[in-house]
Amino acid sequence: MTSDLDDIRELAEDFATELRRKNRSQRTINGYLKHIEYFRAYLAANELPTTGPAITREHIGQYIESLLTRTNLRTGEPLSPEYARGQYRSLQQFFKYLETEEIIEVNPFDRMTQPDAPERQVPVPPLDALKRLLAECAGTNFEDRRDTAIIRLFLDTGCRRGEIAPLSVDALDFAENTATVLGKGRRPRTVPFGDKTRTALRRYLRVRAQHPKAVNDEPALWLGKFGPMTDHGIGQMVERRCQAAGIEHIHPHQFRHFFAHNWLDNGGQEQDLMMLAGWRSRQMLAKYGKSVAVDRAKAAHRRARLGDQI
């Protein structure tokens, strides 16, 4: 027998409480809750049960299949397999929690496998495009100084957008030329930056000091017209700057791929890259900058000149 307490919308709030206890970031929690709500909406629309104990493997399979055949309402293009895989993983963790709490007797994800998705290579932005992007922000007004500092910090540290966006002024250390960011799993790490980034940040801080929010002791580093910028706002800024520069759109995460590729291409050690990027798995080394791995291999071969030594 089930009750309203077993409705997955109610159970999702309990799941969120557990995630907060585990010190998961609010962004991560919101992602789980969004996917669970999408699933519940699908169940309700198809007159399927929405209570945890009544949901079966077949219900989940039907939902994943619907995602793989659905189109984006804005573009008309099919949703990517990665989108379905992301929702699969979120629901899998949710039902694992329900099983642990003994809310369900049988986990419908047992012996299920996530949908296949071809690995997509993220293109590394060409150097010329990045130079044009920075040139587009070369003015001296508040937004130019801010946007230059944001883009240079991305390129110089390889940080994620979710790490750059919530930075506070106090996170910057100009004695060491470092920034302290909060990475995945809410793990802090310190990332260094170079002289050009330092100059861009110092120039921004000088104009930031005149911002109305800064006068009111706002701790957030990045300020917009109405207050602190969000990670979404930073993404919009990059898109707007790319359009103005007349270059192909660059997603902020591509800066991270550029950083990883550049590091390896210049002979940087893989272990150091893992520490700087906040990775625990060496699998990430293969993923980032993979689209230009062949170019790095060719350049290494030319440097080695193996055939010429015989």
Protein backbone atom coordinates (compact mmCIF):
# COMPACT_ATOMS: atom_id res chain seq x y z
CA MET A 1 0.00 0.00 0.00
CA THR A 2 1.34 3.43 -0.95
CA SER A 3 0.59 6.95 0.23
CA ASP A 4 1.27 10.52 -0.86
CA LEU A 5 4.51 10.25 1.07
CA ASP A 6 5.64 7.70 -1.51
CA ASP A 7 5.09 10.09 -4.43
CA ILE A 8 8.46 10.65 -6.08
CA ARG A 9 8.01 14.43 -5.82
CA GLU A 10 7.92 14.06 -2.03
CA LEU A 11 10.70 11.49 -2.05
CA ALA A 12 12.83 13.79 -4.18
CA GLU A 13 12.88 16.33 -1.35
CA ASP A 14 14.09 13.63 1.03
CA PHE A 15 16.74 12.72 -1.53
CA ALA A 16 17.80 16.38 -1.71
CA THR A 17 18.17 16.45 2.08
CA GLU A 18 20.46 13.42 1.86
CA LEU A 19 22.53 15.10 -0.84
CA ARG A 20 22.91 18.23 1.29
CA ARG A 21 24.06 16.03 4.16
CA LYS A 22 26.72 14.66 1.81
CA ASN A 23 27.77 18.23 1.04
CA ARG A 24 26.74 18.13 -2.61
CA SER A 25 26.55 21.51 -4.31
CA GLN A 26 23.18 23.19 -4.76
CA ARG A 27 23.71 23.12 -8.50
CA THR A 28 24.12 19.34 -8.42
CA ILE A 29 21.04 18.95 -6.22
CA ASN A 30 18.98 21.15 -8.54
CA GLY A 31 20.05 19.01 -11.49
CA TYR A 32 18.82 15.83 -9.79
CA LEU A 33 15.52 17.44 -8.78
CA LYS A 34 14.91 18.74 -12.30
CA HIS A 35 15.41 15.31 -13.85
CA ILE A 36 13.19 13.63 -11.27
CA GLU A 37 10.45 16.18 -11.94
CA TYR A 38 10.74 15.59 -15.71
CA PHE A 39 10.29 11.86 -15.07
CA ARG A 40 7.30 12.42 -12.82
CA ALA A 41 5.68 14.68 -15.43
CA TYR A 42 6.11 11.94 -18.03
CA LEU A 43 4.54 9.34 -15.74
CA ALA A 44 1.58 11.57 -14.92
CA ALA A 45 1.02 12.52 -18.57
CA ASN A 46 0.93 8.85 -19.54
CA GLU A 47 -1.28 7.85 -16.58
CA LEU A 48 1.48 5.77 -15.05
CA PRO A 49 2.11 5.45 -11.29
CA THR A 50 4.12 8.23 -9.69
CA THR A 51 4.83 6.50 -6.39
CA GLY A 52 8.27 5.02 -5.82
CA PRO A 53 7.25 1.43 -4.94
CA ALA A 54 4.94 1.19 -7.97
CA ILE A 55 7.47 2.28 -10.59
CA THR A 56 8.89 -0.60 -12.60
CA ARG A 57 11.82 -1.19 -14.88
CA GLU A 58 9.41 -1.05 -17.80
CA HIS A 59 8.26 2.46 -16.84
CA ILE A 60 11.84 3.71 -16.71
CA GLY A 61 12.66 1.99 -20.01
CA GLN A 62 9.69 3.64 -21.69
CA TYR A 63 10.78 7.03 -20.41
CA ILE A 64 14.38 6.66 -21.62
CA GLU A 65 13.10 5.46 -24.99
CA SER A 66 10.89 8.55 -25.23
CA LEU A 67 13.92 10.77 -24.59
CA LEU A 68 15.88 9.06 -27.34
CA THR A 69 13.09 9.70 -29.84
CA ARG A 70 12.16 13.22 -28.72
CA THR A 71 13.10 16.41 -30.57
CA ASN A 72 14.23 19.77 -29.25
CA LEU A 73 11.18 22.07 -29.44
CA ARG A 74 13.37 25.09 -30.18
CA THR A 75 15.61 23.64 -32.90
CA GLY A 76 13.58 20.68 -34.15
CA GLU A 77 16.69 18.50 -33.83
CA PRO A 78 16.62 15.15 -31.98
CA LEU A 79 17.74 15.30 -28.36
CA SER A 80 21.29 14.05 -27.93
CA PRO A 81 21.91 10.57 -26.48
CA GLU A 82 24.01 12.31 -23.81
CA TYR A 83 20.84 14.05 -22.62
CA ALA A 84 19.13 10.68 -22.09
CA ARG A 85 22.24 9.28 -20.40
CA GLY A 86 22.31 12.24 -18.00
CA GLN A 87 18.70 11.66 -16.96
CA TYR A 88 19.33 7.92 -16.66
CA ARG A 89 22.21 8.53 -14.22
CA SER A 90 20.18 10.98 -12.14
CA LEU A 91 17.25 8.59 -11.79
CA GLN A 92 19.62 5.71 -11.09
CA GLN A 93 21.07 7.57 -8.09
CA PHE A 94 17.58 8.51 -6.91
CA PHE A 95 16.33 4.90 -6.95
CA LYS A 96 19.54 3.73 -5.31
CA TYR A 97 18.68 6.09 -2.46
CA LEU A 98 15.12 4.72 -2.30
CA GLU A 99 16.51 1.20 -2.08
CA THR A 100 18.94 2.15 0.68
CA GLU A 101 16.10 3.73 2.65
CA GLU A 102 14.02 0.57 2.08
CA ILE A 103 11.28 2.63 0.45
CA ILE A 104 11.33 0.20 -2.46
CA GLU A 105 11.93 -3.54 -2.18
CA VAL A 106 13.32 -4.02 -5.69
CA ASN A 107 15.43 -1.46 -7.53
CA PRO A 108 14.09 -1.18 -11.10
CA PHE A 109 17.57 -0.22 -12.28
CA ASP A 110 18.98 -3.64 -11.38
CA ARG A 111 20.51 -5.19 -14.50
CA MET A 112 19.58 -2.14 -16.59
CA THR A 113 22.25 -0.51 -18.73
CA GLN A 114 22.40 3.12 -19.68
CA PRO A 115 21.74 4.03 -23.33
CA ASP A 116 24.70 4.06 -25.68
CA ALA A 117 25.95 7.40 -26.86
CA PRO A 118 28.75 8.00 -29.35
CA GLU A 119 31.58 9.95 -27.76
CA ARG A 120 31.60 13.49 -29.06
CA GLN A 121 34.87 15.32 -29.46
CA VAL A 122 34.67 18.86 -28.15
CA PRO A 123 36.45 21.17 -30.60
CA VAL A 124 39.33 23.18 -29.17
CA PRO A 125 38.94 26.86 -30.08
CA PRO A 126 41.64 27.98 -32.53
CA LEU A 127 44.15 30.50 -31.23
CA ASP A 128 43.16 33.08 -33.85
CA ALA A 129 39.52 32.97 -32.71
CA LEU A 130 40.55 33.47 -29.08
CA LYS A 131 42.70 36.46 -30.02
CA ARG A 132 39.76 37.99 -31.86
CA LEU A 133 37.53 37.33 -28.86
CA LEU A 134 39.92 39.14 -26.53
CA ALA A 135 40.34 41.97 -29.03
CA GLU A 136 36.55 42.42 -28.95
CA CYS A 137 36.82 43.11 -25.19
CA ALA A 138 39.81 45.45 -25.51
CA GLY A 139 38.00 48.61 -24.39
CA THR A 140 38.32 50.37 -21.05
CA ASN A 141 34.73 50.51 -19.80
CA PHE A 142 33.39 48.34 -16.98
CA GLU A 143 32.07 45.49 -19.14
CA ASP A 144 35.20 45.36 -21.28
CA ARG A 145 37.46 45.14 -18.23
CA ARG A 146 35.23 42.52 -16.61
CA ASP A 147 34.79 40.34 -19.68
CA THR A 148 38.52 40.41 -20.48
CA ALA A 149 39.29 39.29 -16.93
CA ILE A 150 36.71 36.47 -17.08
CA ILE A 151 37.90 35.13 -20.44
CA ARG A 152 41.59 35.33 -19.50
CA LEU A 153 40.91 33.54 -16.21
CA PHE A 154 39.11 30.78 -18.11
CA LEU A 155 41.98 30.36 -20.56
CA ASP A 156 44.75 30.60 -17.97
CA THR A 157 43.31 28.21 -15.37
CA GLY A 158 41.07 25.79 -17.27
CA CYS A 159 38.41 26.23 -14.59
CA ARG A 160 34.80 25.25 -15.10
CA ARG A 161 32.14 27.93 -15.51
CA GLY A 162 30.57 26.73 -12.24
CA GLU A 163 33.91 27.42 -10.54
CA ILE A 164 34.57 30.82 -12.11
CA ALA A 165 31.08 32.27 -11.64
CA PRO A 166 30.78 32.14 -7.82
CA LEU A 167 34.26 33.52 -7.11
CA SER A 168 34.50 36.16 -4.43
CA VAL A 169 36.99 39.02 -4.39
CA ASP A 170 38.72 37.36 -1.44
CA ALA A 171 39.34 34.24 -3.53
CA LEU A 172 42.09 36.10 -5.41
CA ASP A 173 45.62 36.15 -4.03
CA PHE A 174 47.85 38.58 -5.90
CA ALA A 175 50.86 37.80 -3.74
CA GLU A 176 50.87 34.30 -5.24
CA ASN A 177 48.86 35.06 -8.40
CA THR A 178 46.31 32.37 -7.57
CA ALA A 179 42.57 31.92 -7.22
CA THR A 180 40.85 29.48 -4.87
CA VAL A 181 37.88 27.79 -6.52
CA LEU A 182 35.33 25.28 -5.30
CA GLY A 183 35.28 22.30 -7.65
CA LYS A 184 33.05 19.28 -8.07
CA GLY A 185 32.19 17.56 -4.82
CA ARG A 186 32.74 20.98 -3.19
CA ARG A 187 36.47 20.30 -3.17
CA PRO A 188 38.52 23.52 -2.99
CA ARG A 189 41.68 23.87 -5.02
CA THR A 190 44.09 26.67 -5.78
CA VAL A 191 44.82 27.53 -9.40
CA PRO A 192 47.64 29.82 -10.57
CA PHE A 193 47.37 32.46 -13.29
CA GLY A 194 49.91 34.41 -15.31
CA ASP A 195 50.87 38.05 -15.60
CA LYS A 196 48.38 39.00 -18.34
CA THR A 197 45.52 37.55 -16.32
CA ARG A 198 46.77 39.32 -13.21
CA THR A 199 46.82 42.63 -15.10
CA ALA A 200 43.30 42.01 -16.45
CA LEU A 201 42.00 41.20 -12.97
CA ARG A 202 43.63 44.26 -11.39
CA ARG A 203 42.24 46.52 -14.09
CA TYR A 204 38.79 45.06 -13.55
CA LEU A 205 38.98 45.46 -9.76
CA ARG A 206 39.79 49.15 -10.17
CA VAL A 207 36.64 49.80 -12.25
CA ARG A 208 34.64 47.38 -10.08
CA ALA A 209 35.36 49.56 -7.06
CA GLN A 210 33.08 52.20 -8.60
CA HIS A 211 30.18 49.81 -9.14
CA PRO A 212 27.14 50.60 -6.93
CA LYS A 213 27.03 47.01 -5.63
CA ALA A 214 30.73 47.06 -4.81
CA VAL A 215 30.26 50.21 -2.76
CA ASN A 216 27.79 48.19 -0.66
CA ASP A 217 30.49 45.59 0.09
CA GLU A 218 29.19 42.94 -2.30
CA PRO A 219 31.65 40.02 -1.98
CA ALA A 220 30.95 38.51 -5.44
CA LEU A 221 33.80 39.11 -7.86
CA TRP A 222 31.80 39.38 -11.09
CA LEU A 223 29.14 42.07 -11.13
CA GLY A 224 26.47 42.89 -13.69
CA LYS A 225 24.01 45.74 -13.93
CA PHE A 226 21.80 44.38 -11.15
CA GLY A 227 24.21 42.45 -8.99
CA PRO A 228 26.39 39.32 -9.06
CA MET A 229 26.65 37.48 -12.38
CA THR A 230 25.45 33.88 -12.56
CA ASP A 231 27.10 31.09 -14.52
CA HIS A 232 24.25 31.45 -17.02
CA GLY A 233 25.02 35.16 -17.31
CA ILE A 234 28.67 34.40 -18.01
CA GLY A 235 27.62 31.97 -20.74
CA GLN A 236 25.45 34.67 -22.31
CA MET A 237 28.34 37.13 -22.13
CA VAL A 238 30.68 34.76 -23.99
CA GLU A 239 28.03 34.10 -26.64
CA ARG A 240 27.43 37.82 -27.10
CA ARG A 241 31.16 38.54 -27.39
CA CYS A 242 31.64 35.74 -29.94
CA GLN A 243 28.90 37.20 -32.11
CA ALA A 244 30.42 40.67 -31.88
CA ALA A 245 33.87 39.28 -32.76
CA GLY A 246 32.46 37.49 -35.80
CA ILE A 247 33.67 34.07 -34.70
CA GLU A 248 31.94 30.73 -34.24
CA HIS A 249 30.22 30.38 -30.87
CA ILE A 250 32.54 29.17 -28.12
CA HIS A 251 30.97 27.41 -25.15
CA PRO A 252 32.76 28.30 -21.88
CA HIS A 253 33.67 24.64 -21.38
CA GLN A 254 35.72 24.78 -24.58
CA PHE A 255 38.15 27.08 -22.74
CA ARG A 256 38.84 24.13 -20.43
CA HIS A 257 39.62 21.92 -23.41
CA PHE A 258 41.92 24.62 -24.80
CA PHE A 259 43.76 24.79 -21.48
CA ALA A 260 44.24 21.01 -21.32
CA HIS A 261 45.41 20.76 -24.92
CA ASN A 262 47.79 23.71 -24.53
CA TRP A 263 49.24 22.26 -21.34
CA LEU A 264 49.98 18.89 -22.92
CA ASP A 265 51.13 20.43 -26.20
CA ASN A 266 53.72 22.46 -24.32
CA GLY A 267 55.14 19.44 -22.52
CA GLY A 268 53.20 19.83 -19.26
CA GLN A 269 53.05 16.78 -17.00
CA GLU A 270 49.78 14.85 -16.92
CA GLN A 271 49.82 14.54 -13.12
CA ASP A 272 50.15 18.33 -12.79
CA LEU A 273 47.26 18.82 -15.23
CA MET A 274 45.06 16.52 -13.15
CA MET A 275 45.78 18.59 -10.05
CA LEU A 276 45.22 21.94 -11.77
CA ALA A 277 42.01 20.80 -13.44
CA GLY A 278 40.61 19.09 -10.33
CA TRP A 279 40.43 15.60 -11.85
CA ARG A 280 40.64 12.39 -9.86
CA SER A 281 40.42 10.03 -12.81
CA ARG A 282 43.06 9.69 -15.50
CA GLN A 283 40.24 8.99 -17.95
CA MET A 284 39.69 12.74 -18.10
CA LEU A 285 43.14 13.18 -19.60
CA ALA A 286 42.05 11.20 -22.63
CA LYS A 287 38.80 13.12 -22.95
CA TYR A 288 40.07 16.68 -22.83
CA GLY A 289 41.83 17.95 -25.90
CA LYS A 290 41.14 14.63 -27.63
CA SER A 291 40.04 16.35 -30.82
CA VAL A 292 43.60 17.63 -31.34
CA ALA A 293 45.44 14.63 -29.87
CA VAL A 294 46.48 13.58 -33.38
CA ASP A 295 48.08 16.98 -33.93
CA ARG A 296 50.02 16.64 -30.68
CA ALA A 297 51.17 13.16 -31.68
CA LYS A 298 52.37 14.42 -35.07
CA ALA A 299 54.25 17.29 -33.45
CA ALA A 300 55.88 14.90 -30.98
CA HIS A 301 56.97 12.67 -33.85
CA ARG A 302 58.54 15.61 -35.66
CA ARG A 303 60.44 16.61 -32.52
CA ALA A 304 61.67 13.09 -31.92
CA ARG A 305 62.87 12.64 -35.54
CA LEU A 306 63.10 8.89 -34.88
CA GLY A 307 63.65 7.89 -38.50
CA ASP A 308 66.42 10.45 -38.93
CA GLN A 309 68.44 8.86 -36.12
CA ILE A 310 68.99 5.61 -38.02
